């Protein structure tokens, strides 16, 4: 049986690579800076199962040099 590919996991992994880090390096950084588990397998499982929390995603974005912005779409509920 073919396993479904989580598009969010693919995007996060892509952003990690584009930032010049490995997943293990990011896990080490997140552990030191934000108290995350230091286990790369836990991080990978969260990505693949879609259980990365919103606050964790924000911390990850910050560590990679990104920020989260909510922008209102023009014409939406004006």
PDB file of N, CA and C in Angstrom:
ATOM      1  N   UNK A   1       0.841  -1.172   0.000  1.00  0.00           N
ATOM      2  CA  UNK A   1       0.000   0.000   0.000  1.00  0.00           C
ATOM      3  C   UNK A   1       0.892   1.244   0.000  1.00  0.00           C
ATOM      4  N   UNK A   2       0.564   2.222  -0.835  1.00  0.00           N
ATOM      5  CA  UNK A   2       1.337   3.442  -0.934  1.00  0.00           C
ATOM      6  C   UNK A   2       0.991   4.374   0.226  1.00  0.00           C
ATOM      7  N   UNK A   3       2.032   4.908   0.857  1.00  0.00           N
ATOM      8  CA  UNK A   3       1.852   5.815   1.981  1.00  0.00           C
ATOM      9  C   UNK A   3       1.588   7.225   1.459  1.00  0.00           C
ATOM     10  N   UNK A   4       0.605   7.921   2.069  1.00  0.00           N
ATOM     11  CA  UNK A   4       0.326   9.302   1.683  1.00  0.00           C
ATOM     12  C   UNK A   4       1.480  10.197   2.086  1.00  0.00           C
ATOM     13  N   UNK A   5       1.828  11.117   1.214  1.00  0.00           N
ATOM     14  CA  UNK A   5       2.906  12.052   1.484  1.00  0.00           C
ATOM     15  C   UNK A   5       2.291  13.326   2.058  1.00  0.00           C
ATOM     16  N   UNK A   6       2.784  13.739   3.204  1.00  0.00           N
ATOM     17  CA  UNK A   6       2.301  14.940   3.868  1.00  0.00           C
ATOM     18  C   UNK A   6       2.946  16.158   3.196  1.00  0.00           C
ATOM     19  N   UNK A   7       2.155  16.998   2.512  1.00  0.00           N
ATOM     20  CA  UNK A   7       2.740  18.147   1.811  1.00  0.00           C
ATOM     21  C   UNK A   7       3.378  19.160   2.760  1.00  0.00           C
ATOM     22  N   UNK A   8       2.868  19.277   3.962  1.00  0.00           N
ATOM     23  CA  UNK A   8       3.459  20.200   4.934  1.00  0.00           C
ATOM     24  C   UNK A   8       4.843  19.706   5.334  1.00  0.00           C
ATOM     25  N   UNK A   9       4.963  18.402   5.559  1.00  0.00           N
ATOM     26  CA  UNK A   9       6.262  17.828   5.905  1.00  0.00           C
ATOM     27  C   UNK A   9       7.270  18.081   4.790  1.00  0.00           C
ATOM     28  N   UNK A  10       6.856  17.904   3.552  1.00  0.00           N
ATOM     29  CA  UNK A  10       7.759  18.148   2.425  1.00  0.00           C
ATOM     30  C   UNK A  10       8.190  19.609   2.375  1.00  0.00           C
ATOM     31  N   UNK A  11       7.260  20.512   2.622  1.00  0.00           N
ATOM     32  CA  UNK A  11       7.584  21.937   2.589  1.00  0.00           C
ATOM     33  C   UNK A  11       8.545  22.303   3.721  1.00  0.00           C
ATOM     34  N   UNK A  12       8.288  21.803   4.924  1.00  0.00           N
ATOM     35  CA  UNK A  12       9.169  22.101   6.058  1.00  0.00           C
ATOM     36  C   UNK A  12      10.559  21.545   5.802  1.00  0.00           C
ATOM     37  N   UNK A  13      10.647  20.319   5.328  1.00  0.00           N
ATOM     38  CA  UNK A  13      11.953  19.717   5.044  1.00  0.00           C
ATOM     39  C   UNK A  13      12.688  20.506   3.963  1.00  0.00           C
ATOM     40  N   UNK A  14      11.954  20.993   2.974  1.00  0.00           N
ATOM     41  CA  UNK A  14      12.538  21.808   1.920  1.00  0.00           C
ATOM     42  C   UNK A  14      13.081  23.125   2.481  1.00  0.00           C
ATOM     43  N   UNK A  15      12.330  23.758   3.370  1.00  0.00           N
ATOM     44  CA  UNK A  15      12.765  25.016   3.965  1.00  0.00           C
ATOM     45  C   UNK A  15      14.010  24.815   4.825  1.00  0.00           C
ATOM     46  N   UNK A  16      14.078  23.682   5.513  1.00  0.00           N
ATOM     47  CA  UNK A  16      15.265  23.370   6.316  1.00  0.00           C
ATOM     48  C   UNK A  16      16.488  23.265   5.402  1.00  0.00           C
ATOM     49  N   UNK A  17      16.349  22.529   4.309  1.00  0.00           N
ATOM     50  CA  UNK A  17      17.467  22.376   3.374  1.00  0.00           C
ATOM     51  C   UNK A  17      17.853  23.701   2.725  1.00  0.00           C
ATOM     52  N   UNK A  18      16.863  24.495   2.328  1.00  0.00           N
ATOM     53  CA  UNK A  18      17.137  25.801   1.719  1.00  0.00           C
ATOM     54  C   UNK A  18      17.855  26.730   2.684  1.00  0.00           C
ATOM     55  N   UNK A  19      17.638  26.526   3.975  1.00  0.00           N
ATOM     56  CA  UNK A  19      18.287  27.356   4.990  1.00  0.00           C
ATOM     57  C   UNK A  19      19.703  26.884   5.300  1.00  0.00           C
ATOM     58  N   UNK A  20      20.096  25.751   4.699  1.00  0.00           N
ATOM     59  CA  UNK A  20      21.460  25.260   4.859  1.00  0.00           C
ATOM     60  C   UNK A  20      21.681  24.367   6.069  1.00  0.00           C
ATOM     61  N   UNK A  21      20.597  23.860   6.652  1.00  0.00           N
ATOM     62  CA  UNK A  21      20.695  22.998   7.821  1.00  0.00           C
ATOM     63  C   UNK A  21      20.263  21.576   7.479  1.00  0.00           C
ATOM     64  N   UNK A  22      20.692  20.648   8.333  1.00  0.00           N
ATOM     65  CA  UNK A  22      20.136  19.307   8.277  1.00  0.00           C
ATOM     66  C   UNK A  22      19.038  19.226   9.332  1.00  0.00           C
ATOM     67  N   UNK A  23      18.212  18.205   9.261  1.00  0.00           N
ATOM     68  CA  UNK A  23      17.170  18.030  10.274  1.00  0.00           C
ATOM     69  C   UNK A  23      17.793  17.861  11.654  1.00  0.00           C
ATOM     70  N   UNK A  24      18.891  17.140  11.736  1.00  0.00           N
ATOM     71  CA  UNK A  24      19.553  16.932  13.027  1.00  0.00           C
ATOM     72  C   UNK A  24      20.053  18.254  13.610  1.00  0.00           C
ATOM     73  N   UNK A  25      20.607  19.109  12.763  1.00  0.00           N
ATOM     74  CA  UNK A  25      21.070  20.418  13.234  1.00  0.00           C
ATOM     75  C   UNK A  25      19.910  21.264  13.744  1.00  0.00           C
ATOM     76  N   UNK A  26      18.802  21.220  13.035  1.00  0.00           N
ATOM     77  CA  UNK A  26      17.617  21.982  13.462  1.00  0.00           C
ATOM     78  C   UNK A  26      17.094  21.444  14.785  1.00  0.00           C
ATOM     79  N   UNK A  27      17.056  20.134  14.935  1.00  0.00           N
ATOM     80  CA  UNK A  27      16.581  19.547  16.192  1.00  0.00           C
ATOM     81  C   UNK A  27      17.482  19.993  17.343  1.00  0.00           C
ATOM     82  N   UNK A  28      18.793  19.983  17.131  1.00  0.00           N
ATOM     83  CA  UNK A  28      19.719  20.448  18.163  1.00  0.00           C
ATOM     84  C   UNK A  28      19.466  21.917  18.506  1.00  0.00           C
ATOM     85  N   UNK A  29      19.274  22.735  17.484  1.00  0.00           N
ATOM     86  CA  UNK A  29      19.020  24.160  17.687  1.00  0.00           C
ATOM     87  C   UNK A  29      17.703  24.383  18.436  1.00  0.00           C
ATOM     88  N   UNK A  30      16.660  23.654  18.038  1.00  0.00           N
ATOM     89  CA  UNK A  30      15.354  23.818  18.666  1.00  0.00           C
ATOM     90  C   UNK A  30      15.381  23.323  20.109  1.00  0.00           C
ATOM     91  N   UNK A  31      16.157  22.308  20.361  1.00  0.00           N
ATOM     92  CA  UNK A  31      16.304  21.787  21.722  1.00  0.00           C
ATOM     93  C   UNK A  31      16.973  22.831  22.611  1.00  0.00           C
ATOM     94  N   UNK A  32      18.041  23.440  22.112  1.00  0.00           N
ATOM     95  CA  UNK A  32      18.776  24.438  22.887  1.00  0.00           C
ATOM     96  C   UNK A  32      17.984  25.732  23.075  1.00  0.00           C
ATOM     97  N   UNK A  33      17.332  26.189  21.995  1.00  0.00           N
ATOM     98  CA  UNK A  33      16.661  27.498  22.031  1.00  0.00           C
ATOM     99  C   UNK A  33      15.252  27.461  22.606  1.00  0.00           C
ATOM    100  N   UNK A  34      14.532  26.351  22.387  1.00  0.00           N
ATOM    101  CA  UNK A  34      13.115  26.325  22.745  1.00  0.00           C
ATOM    102  C   UNK A  34      12.715  25.137  23.619  1.00  0.00           C
ATOM    103  N   UNK A  35      13.691  24.316  24.018  1.00  0.00           N
ATOM    104  CA  UNK A  35      13.396  23.197  24.899  1.00  0.00           C
ATOM    105  C   UNK A  35      12.711  22.011  24.235  1.00  0.00           C
ATOM    106  N   UNK A  36      12.829  21.912  22.907  1.00  0.00           N
ATOM    107  CA  UNK A  36      12.256  20.773  22.193  1.00  0.00           C
ATOM    108  C   UNK A  36      13.000  19.500  22.569  1.00  0.00           C
ATOM    109  N   UNK A  37      12.368  18.375  22.309  1.00  0.00           N
ATOM    110  CA  UNK A  37      13.037  17.082  22.448  1.00  0.00           C
ATOM    111  C   UNK A  37      14.235  17.072  21.504  1.00  0.00           C
ATOM    112  N   UNK A  38      15.336  16.503  21.957  1.00  0.00           N
ATOM    113  CA  UNK A  38      16.530  16.444  21.126  1.00  0.00           C
ATOM    114  C   UNK A  38      16.566  15.258  20.189  1.00  0.00           C
ATOM    115  N   UNK A  39      15.425  14.664  19.923  1.00  0.00           N
ATOM    116  CA  UNK A  39      15.372  13.461  19.107  1.00  0.00           C
ATOM    117  C   UNK A  39      14.950  13.770  17.666  1.00  0.00           C
ATOM    118  N   UNK A  40      15.860  13.576  16.701  1.00  0.00           N
ATOM    119  CA  UNK A  40      15.486  13.777  15.299  1.00  0.00           C
ATOM    120  C   UNK A  40      14.318  12.889  14.863  1.00  0.00           C
ATOM    121  N   UNK A  41      14.230  11.677  15.419  1.00  0.00           N
ATOM    122  CA  UNK A  41      13.123  10.794  15.021  1.00  0.00           C
ATOM    123  C   UNK A  41      11.780  11.329  15.515  1.00  0.00           C
ATOM    124  N   UNK A  42      11.746  11.956  16.696  1.00  0.00           N
ATOM    125  CA  UNK A  42      10.502  12.569  17.174  1.00  0.00           C
ATOM    126  C   UNK A  42      10.076  13.709  16.257  1.00  0.00           C
ATOM    127  N   UNK A  43      11.047  14.532  15.852  1.00  0.00           N
ATOM    128  CA  UNK A  43      10.753  15.647  14.953  1.00  0.00           C
ATOM    129  C   UNK A  43      10.229  15.134  13.617  1.00  0.00           C
ATOM    130  N   UNK A  44      10.893  14.144  13.068  1.00  0.00           N
ATOM    131  CA  UNK A  44      10.475  13.567  11.799  1.00  0.00           C
ATOM    132  C   UNK A  44       9.073  12.975  11.896  1.00  0.00           C
ATOM    133  N   UNK A  45       8.794  12.307  12.993  1.00  0.00           N
ATOM    134  CA  UNK A  45       7.465  11.717  13.194  1.00  0.00           C
ATOM    135  C   UNK A  45       6.394  12.802  13.267  1.00  0.00           C
ATOM    136  N   UNK A  46       6.686  13.894  13.981  1.00  0.00           N
ATOM    137  CA  UNK A  46       5.725  15.006  14.064  1.00  0.00           C
ATOM    138  C   UNK A  46       5.421  15.550  12.665  1.00  0.00           C
ATOM    139  N   UNK A  47       6.457  15.715  11.865  1.00  0.00           N
ATOM    140  CA  UNK A  47       6.251  16.225  10.503  1.00  0.00           C
ATOM    141  C   UNK A  47       5.416  15.257   9.675  1.00  0.00           C
ATOM    142  N   UNK A  48       5.823  13.997   9.681  1.00  0.00           N
ATOM    143  CA  UNK A  48       5.165  13.011   8.831  1.00  0.00           C
ATOM    144  C   UNK A  48       3.731  12.711   9.250  1.00  0.00           C
ATOM    145  N   UNK A  49       3.457  12.788  10.556  1.00  0.00           N
ATOM    146  CA  UNK A  49       2.106  12.510  11.040  1.00  0.00           C
ATOM    147  C   UNK A  49       1.238  13.767  11.111  1.00  0.00           C
ATOM    148  N   UNK A  50       1.840  14.917  10.843  1.00  0.00           N
ATOM    149  CA  UNK A  50       1.082  16.164  10.871  1.00  0.00           C
ATOM    150  C   UNK A  50       0.713  16.613  12.275  1.00  0.00           C
ATOM    151  N   UNK A  51       1.581  16.310  13.255  1.00  0.00           N
ATOM    152  CA  UNK A  51       1.275  16.658  14.640  1.00  0.00           C
ATOM    153  C   UNK A  51       2.156  17.785  15.178  1.00  0.00           C
ATOM    154  N   UNK A  52       2.873  18.483  14.300  1.00  0.00           N
ATOM    155  CA  UNK A  52       3.644  19.645  14.722  1.00  0.00           C
ATOM    156  C   UNK A  52       2.653  20.739  15.111  1.00  0.00           C
ATOM    157  N   UNK A  53       2.749  21.228  16.344  1.00  0.00           N
ATOM    158  CA  UNK A  53       1.819  22.250  16.831  1.00  0.00           C
ATOM    159  C   UNK A  53       2.130  23.602  16.177  1.00  0.00           C
ATOM    160  N   UNK A  54       1.143  24.476  16.191  1.00  0.00           N
ATOM    161  CA  UNK A  54       1.291  25.803  15.591  1.00  0.00           C
ATOM    162  C   UNK A  54       2.427  26.574  16.263  1.00  0.00           C
ATOM    163  N   UNK A  55       2.491  26.546  17.590  1.00  0.00           N
ATOM    164  CA  UNK A  55       3.559  27.268  18.284  1.00  0.00           C
ATOM    165  C   UNK A  55       4.931  26.705  17.915  1.00  0.00           C
ATOM    166  N   UNK A  56       5.009  25.407  17.690  1.00  0.00           N
ATOM    167  CA  UNK A  56       6.272  24.796  17.275  1.00  0.00           C
ATOM    168  C   UNK A  56       6.634  25.229  15.858  1.00  0.00           C
ATOM    169  N   UNK A  57       5.644  25.335  14.999  1.00  0.00           N
ATOM    170  CA  UNK A  57       5.891  25.791  13.629  1.00  0.00           C
ATOM    171  C   UNK A  57       6.413  27.226  13.630  1.00  0.00           C
ATOM    172  N   UNK A  58       5.871  28.067  14.510  1.00  0.00           N
ATOM    173  CA  UNK A  58       6.347  29.444  14.610  1.00  0.00           C
ATOM    174  C   UNK A  58       7.789  29.495  15.112  1.00  0.00           C
ATOM    175  N   UNK A  59       8.112  28.664  16.104  1.00  0.00           N
ATOM    176  CA  UNK A  59       9.481  28.601  16.612  1.00  0.00           C
ATOM    177  C   UNK A  59      10.439  28.101  15.538  1.00  0.00           C
ATOM    178  N   UNK A  60      10.015  27.115  14.792  1.00  0.00           N
ATOM    179  CA  UNK A  60      10.835  26.569  13.713  1.00  0.00           C
ATOM    180  C   UNK A  60      11.088  27.627  12.644  1.00  0.00           C
ATOM    181  N   UNK A  61      10.042  28.341  12.264  1.00  0.00           N
ATOM    182  CA  UNK A  61      10.190  29.408  11.263  1.00  0.00           C
ATOM    183  C   UNK A  61      11.193  30.452  11.749  1.00  0.00           C
ATOM    184  N   UNK A  62      11.073  30.829  13.005  1.00  0.00           N
ATOM    185  CA  UNK A  62      11.989  31.818  13.573  1.00  0.00           C
ATOM    186  C   UNK A  62      13.428  31.320  13.522  1.00  0.00           C
ATOM    187  N   UNK A  63      13.642  30.072  13.889  1.00  0.00           N
ATOM    188  CA  UNK A  63      14.992  29.491  13.873  1.00  0.00           C
ATOM    189  C   UNK A  63      15.575  29.455  12.466  1.00  0.00           C
ATOM    190  N   UNK A  64      14.709  29.308  11.461  1.00  0.00           N
ATOM    191  CA  UNK A  64      15.157  29.253  10.068  1.00  0.00           C
ATOM    192  C   UNK A  64      15.274  30.641   9.444  1.00  0.00           C
ATOM    193  N   UNK A  65      14.910  31.678  10.220  1.00  0.00           N
ATOM    194  CA  UNK A  65      15.026  33.047   9.718  1.00  0.00           C
ATOM    195  C   UNK A  65      13.780  33.550   9.011  1.00  0.00           C
ATOM    196  N   UNK A  66      12.648  32.935   9.278  1.00  0.00           N
ATOM    197  CA  UNK A  66      11.391  33.346   8.661  1.00  0.00           C
ATOM    198  C   UNK A  66      10.447  33.893   9.721  1.00  0.00           C
ATOM    199  N   UNK A  67       9.456  34.623   9.276  1.00  0.00           N
ATOM    200  CA  UNK A  67       8.407  35.080  10.171  1.00  0.00           C
ATOM    201  C   UNK A  67       7.062  34.693   9.591  1.00  0.00           C
ATOM    202  N   UNK A  68       6.100  34.585  10.459  1.00  0.00           N
ATOM    203  CA  UNK A  68       4.744  34.247  10.033  1.00  0.00           C
ATOM    204  C   UNK A  68       3.943  35.527   9.974  1.00  0.00           C
ATOM    205  N   UNK A  69       3.266  35.742   8.872  1.00  0.00           N
ATOM    206  CA  UNK A  69       2.438  36.927   8.706  1.00  0.00           C
ATOM    207  C   UNK A  69       1.090  36.528   8.181  1.00  0.00           C
ATOM    208  N   UNK A  70       0.082  37.090   8.787  1.00  0.00           N
ATOM    209  CA  UNK A  70      -1.270  36.894   8.295  1.00  0.00           C
ATOM    210  C   UNK A  70      -1.648  38.150   7.520  1.00  0.00           C
ATOM    211  N   UNK A  71      -1.987  37.977   6.258  1.00  0.00           N
ATOM    212  CA  UNK A  71      -2.399  39.111   5.442  1.00  0.00           C
ATOM    213  C   UNK A  71      -3.808  38.884   4.941  1.00  0.00           C
ATOM    214  N   UNK A  72      -4.614  39.896   5.073  1.00  0.00           N
ATOM    215  CA  UNK A  72      -5.991  39.834   4.610  1.00  0.00           C
ATOM    216  C   UNK A  72      -6.004  39.802   3.085  1.00  0.00           C
ATOM    217  N   UNK A  73      -6.764  38.907   2.534  1.00  0.00           N
ATOM    218  CA  UNK A  73      -6.920  38.803   1.097  1.00  0.00           C
ATOM    219  C   UNK A  73      -7.868  39.897   0.637  1.00  0.00           C
ATOM    220  N   UNK A  74      -7.464  40.629  -0.360  1.00  0.00           N
ATOM    221  CA  UNK A  74      -8.328  41.718  -0.852  1.00  0.00           C
ATOM    222  C   UNK A  74      -9.662  41.174  -1.311  1.00  0.00           C
ATOM    223  N   UNK A  75     -10.699  41.826  -0.891  1.00  0.00           N
ATOM    224  CA  UNK A  75     -12.039  41.452  -1.297  1.00  0.00           C
ATOM    225  C   UNK A  75     -12.674  40.362  -0.433  1.00  0.00           C
ATOM    226  N   UNK A  76     -11.904  39.788   0.482  1.00  0.00           N
ATOM    227  CA  UNK A  76     -12.434  38.727   1.334  1.00  0.00           C
ATOM    228  C   UNK A  76     -13.076  39.336   2.566  1.00  0.00           C
ATOM    229  N   UNK A  77     -14.372  39.166   2.681  1.00  0.00           N
ATOM    230  CA  UNK A  77     -15.124  39.628   3.860  1.00  0.00           C
ATOM    231  C   UNK A  77     -14.904  41.097   4.177  1.00  0.00           C
ATOM    232  N   UNK A  78     -14.829  41.932   3.137  1.00  0.00           N
ATOM    233  CA  UNK A  78     -14.666  43.377   3.386  1.00  0.00           C
ATOM    234  C   UNK A  78     -15.948  44.000   3.866  1.00  0.00           C
TER     235      UNK A  78
END
